[in-house]
Amino acid sequence: MSEADSLQALRERIDALDRQIQTLISERARCAQQVGAIKQAAGVTGNFYRAEREAQVLRRVIETNTGPLSSEEMARLFREIMSACLALEEPLKIAFLGPEGTFTQAAALKHFGQSIHSIPLRAIDEVFREVEAGSADYGVVPVENSTEGVVNHTLDMFLQSPLRICGEVQMRINHHLITQATELSAIRRIYSHRQSLAQCREWLDSNVPRIEQIEVGSNGEAALRVRAEPDAAAIAGQCAADIYQLPTLVRNIEDEPNNTTRFLIIGTQPIPPSGDDKTALLVASLNRPGALFNLLEPLAHNNVSMNRIESRPSRRGMWDYVFFIDLDGHAQDEPVAKALSELREQASLFRVLGSYPKGVL
């Protein structure tokens, strides 16, 4: 068989597979519609998104993936299929820290897929209020960066908000220098969020030490400004470059190659167990010797692993603190439930912020 014949045979095989894939996707979409109809007939109201179910599907996709596509790419494809099927009823309304082009928007799209109605907001507290008011189904907010630490504003909002944590997203953060200028010498100022400037400090000092650095509210705002200023540059991600149609002059200027930001999904509904979950707590104790030890002792007694603890001022009095704690497991798991029951007796303030599936890739 000639090379031309071999290529033609492969193309015909690809065309046949494409028809099969399209048929199967359509069949899956019809099944999703039937699920929605059954739930509506049973009187279920609100959106039909189920975080635990989606996490289980994506884990199974990853476990059974045999390549050549990576597990991350395969999960992304299935996430988009689920997003499109869910949107047949009504697209999810997702609020995020805007404007468009921020890493928070990229995290929202990674978690929920492209078939959503995005609501960019100017501040973290606005995202919380939008979800509390029911104007958005879920919100997406940053909570910590691997190099710059926690986002205190997000943690502080849980001191006053009734919202639950419904999921998490971890995003590898790649910072690019985006600009209409064709060389570094033509740039007169660089806009970016203060955390992005901090995460690129070494590169900036080595390559553009005398160029003015201007802090703005978000990387999306930085890109928006650069679109109107040919002699300016922004430090931002690929999402911003695409949305504002700006060229990338230098890629990957972050100082730490494994720079990662964790985002939280916030909502109103409790999430059932998915089989691989986290539980977030907000606790406080009286200011006395051994108080923190007494709070944590129930976790050790019940063999529950704590993977994160942060302290924040409680706003109830000077030098009074609350603790944000992340545990392995769901609040309905027996060891976790027992530990929480014991911990509640030791705490002067106790609240389960949410149990939710661990982030999938």
Protein backbone atom coordinates (compact mmCIF):
# COMPACT_ATOMS: atom_id res chain seq x y z
CA MET A 1 0.00 0.00 0.00
CA SER A 2 1.37 3.41 -0.96
CA GLU A 3 1.86 6.26 1.47
CA ALA A 4 -1.09 8.09 -0.07
CA ASP A 5 -3.31 5.01 0.32
CA SER A 6 -2.25 4.56 3.96
CA LEU A 7 -3.04 8.19 4.77
CA GLN A 8 -6.41 7.97 3.05
CA ALA A 9 -7.30 4.81 4.99
CA LEU A 10 -6.37 6.49 8.28
CA ARG A 11 -8.41 9.59 7.43
CA GLU A 12 -11.44 7.45 6.60
CA ARG A 13 -11.00 5.63 9.93
CA ILE A 14 -10.79 8.97 11.76
CA ASP A 15 -13.96 10.18 10.00
CA ALA A 16 -15.80 7.01 11.06
CA LEU A 17 -14.59 7.39 14.66
CA ASP A 18 -15.68 11.05 14.67
CA ARG A 19 -19.20 10.00 13.66
CA GLN A 20 -19.25 7.42 16.46
CA ILE A 21 -17.99 9.96 19.00
CA GLN A 22 -20.63 12.47 17.93
CA THR A 23 -23.37 9.86 18.18
CA LEU A 24 -22.24 8.83 21.68
CA ILE A 25 -21.99 12.42 22.90
CA SER A 26 -25.53 13.09 21.65
CA GLU A 27 -26.75 9.96 23.41
CA ARG A 28 -25.06 11.07 26.64
CA ALA A 29 -26.68 14.49 26.33
CA ARG A 30 -30.13 12.89 25.95
CA CYS A 31 -29.48 10.81 29.08
CA ALA A 32 -28.55 13.98 30.95
CA GLN A 33 -31.79 15.59 29.81
CA GLN A 34 -33.73 12.57 31.10
CA VAL A 35 -32.00 12.83 34.47
CA GLY A 36 -33.05 16.48 34.64
CA ALA A 37 -36.64 15.63 33.73
CA ILE A 38 -36.83 12.96 36.44
CA LYS A 39 -35.49 15.38 39.04
CA GLN A 40 -37.94 18.10 38.00
CA ALA A 41 -40.83 15.64 38.20
CA ALA A 42 -39.70 14.76 41.71
CA GLY A 43 -39.83 18.42 42.70
CA VAL A 44 -36.07 19.05 42.77
CA THR A 45 -35.37 22.75 42.28
CA GLY A 46 -32.25 24.74 41.56
CA ASN A 47 -29.30 23.67 39.39
CA PHE A 48 -28.57 20.00 38.78
CA TYR A 49 -24.80 20.25 39.17
CA ARG A 50 -23.42 17.56 41.48
CA ALA A 51 -19.82 18.11 42.52
CA GLU A 52 -19.36 14.64 44.00
CA ARG A 53 -20.72 12.92 40.88
CA GLU A 54 -18.49 14.95 38.54
CA ALA A 55 -15.43 14.22 40.68
CA GLN A 56 -16.18 10.48 40.56
CA VAL A 57 -16.54 10.55 36.76
CA LEU A 58 -13.27 12.42 36.28
CA ARG A 59 -11.38 10.12 38.65
CA ARG A 60 -12.63 7.12 36.71
CA VAL A 61 -11.56 8.74 33.43
CA ILE A 62 -8.07 9.29 34.84
CA GLU A 63 -7.82 5.77 36.29
CA THR A 64 -8.82 4.10 33.01
CA ASN A 65 -6.85 6.37 30.67
CA THR A 66 -4.35 4.40 28.58
CA GLY A 67 -2.99 7.28 26.48
CA PRO A 68 -1.61 8.61 24.24
CA LEU A 69 -3.51 11.67 25.55
CA SER A 70 -2.44 12.68 29.05
CA SER A 71 -4.81 12.14 31.96
CA GLU A 72 -5.08 15.91 32.39
CA GLU A 73 -6.10 16.37 28.76
CA MET A 74 -8.57 13.48 28.90
CA ALA A 75 -10.15 14.90 32.06
CA ARG A 76 -10.46 18.30 30.39
CA LEU A 77 -12.31 16.79 27.43
CA PHE A 78 -14.77 14.93 29.66
CA ARG A 79 -15.27 18.02 31.82
CA GLU A 80 -16.34 19.97 28.74
CA ILE A 81 -18.76 17.22 27.72
CA MET A 82 -20.34 17.28 31.19
CA SER A 83 -20.45 21.08 31.15
CA ALA A 84 -22.23 21.16 27.78
CA CYS A 85 -24.72 18.46 28.82
CA LEU A 86 -25.55 20.26 32.06
CA ALA A 87 -26.07 23.53 30.18
CA LEU A 88 -28.87 21.94 28.14
CA GLU A 89 -31.15 22.69 31.09
CA GLU A 90 -29.67 26.06 32.04
CA PRO A 91 -26.02 27.19 32.14
CA LEU A 92 -24.56 27.51 35.62
CA LYS A 93 -24.05 31.10 36.76
CA ILE A 94 -20.53 31.36 38.16
CA ALA A 95 -19.26 34.50 39.90
CA PHE A 96 -15.50 35.06 40.04
CA LEU A 97 -12.94 37.69 40.94
CA GLY A 98 -12.70 39.70 37.73
CA PRO A 99 -12.44 41.36 35.38
CA GLU A 100 -12.26 38.87 32.53
CA GLY A 101 -8.83 37.41 31.98
CA THR A 102 -7.88 36.71 35.60
CA PHE A 103 -6.47 33.42 36.81
CA THR A 104 -9.68 33.10 38.86
CA GLN A 105 -11.68 33.01 35.63
CA ALA A 106 -9.29 30.37 34.28
CA ALA A 107 -9.90 28.35 37.47
CA ALA A 108 -13.68 28.69 37.04
CA LEU A 109 -13.46 27.41 33.46
CA LYS A 110 -11.16 24.57 34.49
CA HIS A 111 -13.61 23.42 37.17
CA PHE A 112 -16.97 24.01 35.47
CA GLY A 113 -16.07 23.93 31.76
CA GLN A 114 -16.79 26.52 29.09
CA SER A 115 -20.59 26.10 29.02
CA ILE A 116 -21.28 28.46 31.92
CA HIS A 117 -22.51 32.01 32.34
CA SER A 118 -19.54 33.91 33.80
CA ILE A 119 -20.09 36.83 36.20
CA PRO A 120 -16.87 38.86 36.73
CA LEU A 121 -16.88 40.94 39.93
CA ARG A 122 -14.49 43.54 41.29
CA ALA A 123 -13.76 42.14 44.75
CA ILE A 124 -13.80 38.90 46.74
CA ASP A 125 -16.58 40.13 49.05
CA GLU A 126 -18.73 40.88 45.99
CA VAL A 127 -18.35 37.25 44.86
CA PHE A 128 -19.57 36.07 48.27
CA ARG A 129 -22.55 38.45 48.21
CA GLU A 130 -23.55 37.45 44.67
CA VAL A 131 -23.77 33.79 45.69
CA GLU A 132 -25.47 34.58 49.01
CA ALA A 133 -28.13 36.57 47.15
CA GLY A 134 -28.79 33.68 44.74
CA SER A 135 -27.70 35.71 41.71
CA ALA A 136 -24.95 33.15 41.08
CA ASP A 137 -25.03 29.39 41.61
CA TYR A 138 -21.40 29.26 42.74
CA GLY A 139 -18.44 31.55 43.22
CA VAL A 140 -14.72 31.05 42.66
CA VAL A 141 -12.17 32.84 44.86
CA PRO A 142 -8.40 32.45 45.42
CA VAL A 143 -7.36 31.14 48.83
CA GLU A 144 -3.60 30.49 48.75
CA ASN A 145 -0.51 30.58 46.58
CA SER A 146 2.40 28.18 46.93
CA THR A 147 4.94 31.01 47.10
CA GLU A 148 3.02 34.02 48.49
CA GLY A 149 0.84 32.25 51.08
CA VAL A 150 -2.84 32.64 51.96
CA VAL A 151 -5.32 35.18 50.63
CA ASN A 152 -6.43 36.68 53.94
CA HIS A 153 -9.50 38.43 52.52
CA THR A 154 -10.99 35.09 51.43
CA LEU A 155 -10.45 33.50 54.85
CA ASP A 156 -11.88 36.55 56.63
CA MET A 157 -15.07 36.39 54.56
CA PHE A 158 -15.92 33.02 56.12
CA LEU A 159 -16.08 34.72 59.52
CA GLN A 160 -19.25 36.48 58.39
CA SER A 161 -20.61 34.52 55.43
CA PRO A 162 -22.94 31.49 55.68
CA LEU A 163 -21.59 30.03 52.43
CA ARG A 164 -20.03 26.58 52.20
CA ILE A 165 -16.90 25.39 50.46
CA CYS A 166 -18.09 23.09 47.66
CA GLY A 167 -14.86 22.33 45.83
CA GLU A 168 -11.31 23.33 45.07
CA VAL A 169 -9.18 23.98 42.00
CA GLN A 170 -5.40 24.02 41.81
CA MET A 171 -3.96 26.04 38.95
CA ARG A 172 -0.37 26.02 37.77
CA ILE A 173 0.34 29.75 37.41
CA ASN A 174 2.33 30.77 34.34
CA HIS A 175 3.02 34.49 34.13
CA HIS A 176 3.70 36.04 30.73
CA LEU A 177 4.78 39.52 29.73
CA ILE A 178 2.08 40.61 27.31
CA THR A 179 2.43 43.83 25.35
CA GLN A 180 2.03 45.44 21.96
CA ALA A 181 5.72 46.40 22.10
CA THR A 182 8.08 44.24 20.06
CA GLU A 183 11.08 44.51 22.42
CA LEU A 184 11.74 45.16 26.10
CA SER A 185 13.44 48.51 25.43
CA ALA A 186 10.16 49.93 24.10
CA ILE A 187 8.27 49.29 27.36
CA ARG A 188 7.86 52.24 29.73
CA ARG A 189 5.72 50.69 32.53
CA ILE A 190 4.45 47.30 33.64
CA TYR A 191 1.02 46.73 35.17
CA SER A 192 0.05 43.75 37.31
CA HIS A 193 -1.50 42.59 40.54
CA ARG A 194 0.88 42.91 43.48
CA GLN A 195 1.10 39.13 43.97
CA SER A 196 2.09 38.61 40.34
CA LEU A 197 4.75 41.30 40.65
CA ALA A 198 6.07 39.52 43.74
CA GLN A 199 6.06 36.14 41.99
CA CYS A 200 8.15 37.59 39.12
CA ARG A 201 10.46 39.75 41.24
CA GLU A 202 13.73 38.07 40.23
CA TRP A 203 12.94 38.18 36.50
CA LEU A 204 11.91 41.84 36.72
CA ASP A 205 15.05 42.82 38.63
CA SER A 206 17.28 41.00 36.14
CA ASN A 207 15.63 42.04 32.88
CA VAL A 208 13.74 45.33 33.37
CA PRO A 209 15.15 46.84 36.61
CA ARG A 210 14.44 50.47 35.67
CA ILE A 211 10.94 50.09 34.21
CA GLU A 212 8.13 51.44 36.40
CA GLN A 213 5.97 48.76 38.04
CA ILE A 214 2.36 49.75 38.72
CA GLU A 215 0.05 47.69 40.95
CA VAL A 216 -3.54 47.25 39.78
CA GLY A 217 -6.49 45.29 41.12
CA SER A 218 -6.06 42.25 38.88
CA ASN A 219 -4.08 40.91 35.94
CA GLY A 220 -7.20 41.22 33.81
CA GLU A 221 -7.27 44.95 34.53
CA ALA A 222 -3.58 45.12 33.68
CA ALA A 223 -4.20 43.54 30.27
CA LEU A 224 -7.15 45.86 29.63
CA ARG A 225 -4.92 48.90 30.25
CA VAL A 226 -2.18 47.56 28.00
CA ARG A 227 -4.60 47.21 25.12
CA ALA A 228 -4.92 51.02 25.12
CA GLU A 229 -1.22 51.77 25.84
CA PRO A 230 1.25 50.55 23.19
CA ASP A 231 4.28 51.36 25.36
CA ALA A 232 3.03 49.43 28.41
CA ALA A 233 3.14 45.75 29.37
CA ALA A 234 1.16 43.51 31.68
CA ILE A 235 2.12 40.46 33.68
CA ALA A 236 -0.79 38.09 33.17
CA GLY A 237 -1.79 34.63 32.07
CA GLN A 238 -2.67 33.21 28.69
CA CYS A 239 -6.38 33.67 29.40
CA ALA A 240 -5.93 37.45 29.58
CA ALA A 241 -3.75 37.51 26.46
CA ASP A 242 -6.43 35.60 24.53
CA ILE A 243 -9.40 37.65 25.76
CA TYR A 244 -7.77 41.03 25.11
CA GLN A 245 -5.99 39.84 21.94
CA LEU A 246 -2.52 40.90 23.05
CA PRO A 247 0.79 39.40 21.92
CA THR A 248 3.06 37.65 24.40
CA LEU A 249 6.60 39.05 24.36
CA VAL A 250 8.15 36.77 27.03
CA ARG A 251 6.61 33.58 28.37
CA ASN A 252 6.88 31.99 31.82
CA ILE A 253 8.62 34.79 33.74
CA GLU A 254 7.57 33.51 37.17
CA ASP A 255 10.48 32.91 39.54
CA GLU A 256 9.22 29.55 40.86
CA PRO A 257 8.58 26.89 38.18
CA ASN A 258 6.02 25.12 40.37
CA ASN A 259 4.08 28.28 41.25
CA THR A 260 0.52 27.11 42.01
CA THR A 261 -2.60 28.84 43.30
CA ARG A 262 -5.48 27.09 45.03
CA PHE A 263 -9.01 28.39 44.49
CA LEU A 264 -12.20 27.57 46.40
CA ILE A 265 -15.65 26.93 44.97
CA ILE A 266 -18.24 28.52 47.27
CA GLY A 267 -21.97 27.80 47.30
CA THR A 268 -24.99 27.15 49.47
CA GLN A 269 -25.54 23.39 49.17
CA PRO A 270 -23.79 20.63 51.19
CA ILE A 271 -21.81 18.17 49.06
CA PRO A 272 -22.28 14.41 49.69
CA PRO A 273 -19.21 12.15 49.96
CA SER A 274 -17.36 11.43 46.73
CA GLY A 275 -14.92 8.86 48.11
CA ASP A 276 -11.89 11.17 48.26
CA ASP A 277 -12.75 14.36 50.11
CA LYS A 278 -11.57 17.20 52.33
CA THR A 279 -13.31 18.94 55.22
CA ALA A 280 -12.67 22.57 56.16
CA LEU A 281 -13.29 23.85 59.69
CA LEU A 282 -13.44 27.21 61.44
CA VAL A 283 -12.70 26.82 65.16
CA ALA A 284 -11.63 28.89 68.15
CA SER A 285 -10.85 28.21 71.79
CA LEU A 286 -10.48 30.17 74.97
CA ASN A 287 -7.05 31.79 75.37
CA ARG A 288 -5.50 29.39 77.89
CA PRO A 289 -2.48 27.08 78.06
CA GLY A 290 -2.84 24.00 75.85
CA ALA A 291 -5.90 25.38 74.04
CA LEU A 292 -4.65 24.56 70.53
CA PHE A 293 -3.45 21.12 71.65
CA ASN A 294 -6.91 20.37 73.06
CA LEU A 295 -8.50 21.39 69.76
CA LEU A 296 -6.26 19.12 67.72
CA GLU A 297 -6.13 16.13 70.06
CA PRO A 298 -9.46 14.62 68.82
CA LEU A 299 -7.99 14.42 65.31
CA ALA A 300 -5.07 12.29 66.51
CA HIS A 301 -7.36 10.09 68.64
CA ASN A 302 -9.48 9.26 65.62
CA ASN A 303 -6.60 8.93 63.13
CA VAL A 304 -7.77 11.90 61.07
CA SER A 305 -5.04 13.67 59.12
CA MET A 306 -4.84 17.47 59.24
CA ASN A 307 -3.16 18.92 56.16
CA ARG A 308 -3.45 22.64 56.80
CA ILE A 309 -3.98 25.13 59.64
CA GLU A 310 -4.09 28.94 59.48
CA SER A 311 -4.77 31.46 62.24
CA ARG A 312 -6.59 34.76 61.73
CA PRO A 313 -7.72 37.54 64.09
CA SER A 314 -11.26 36.73 65.24
CA ARG A 315 -12.44 40.36 65.34
CA ARG A 316 -14.05 39.48 68.69
CA GLY A 317 -11.30 41.07 70.77
CA MET A 318 -7.64 42.05 70.76
CA TRP A 319 -5.23 39.11 70.34
CA ASP A 320 -8.14 36.69 69.94
CA TYR A 321 -7.69 34.25 67.05
CA VAL A 322 -9.64 31.68 65.08
CA PHE A 323 -8.18 28.72 63.21
CA PHE A 324 -8.95 27.49 59.71
CA ILE A 325 -8.24 23.76 59.50
CA ASP A 326 -8.32 21.37 56.53
CA LEU A 327 -8.77 17.65 57.16
CA ASP A 328 -8.64 14.56 54.99
CA GLY A 329 -12.05 12.91 54.69
CA HIS A 330 -15.71 13.89 54.60
CA ALA A 331 -17.64 15.05 57.65
CA GLN A 332 -19.94 12.03 57.17
CA ASP A 333 -17.04 9.54 57.31
CA GLU A 334 -17.16 7.79 60.71
CA PRO A 335 -13.63 8.73 61.94
CA VAL A 336 -14.08 12.35 60.89
CA ALA A 337 -17.58 12.55 62.38
CA LYS A 338 -16.29 11.26 65.73
CA ALA A 339 -13.36 13.66 65.72
CA LEU A 340 -15.61 16.61 64.92
CA SER A 341 -18.01 15.66 67.72
CA GLU A 342 -15.15 15.65 70.24
CA LEU A 343 -13.60 18.81 68.84
CA ARG A 344 -16.92 20.66 69.10
CA GLU A 345 -16.89 20.08 72.86
CA GLN A 346 -13.44 21.72 73.16
CA ALA A 347 -14.14 24.74 70.95
CA SER A 348 -15.66 28.08 71.88
CA LEU A 349 -16.46 28.55 68.19
CA PHE A 350 -17.00 25.63 65.82
CA ARG A 351 -18.22 25.56 62.23
CA VAL A 352 -17.81 23.08 59.40
CA LEU A 353 -17.13 25.27 56.37
CA GLY A 354 -17.73 22.37 54.02
CA SER A 355 -16.81 18.88 52.92
CA TYR A 356 -15.94 18.63 49.24
CA PRO A 357 -14.11 16.49 46.68
CA LYS A 358 -10.38 16.92 46.46
CA GLY A 359 -9.34 18.75 43.31
CA VAL A 360 -8.94 16.53 40.24
CA LEU A 361 -5.76 17.51 38.37
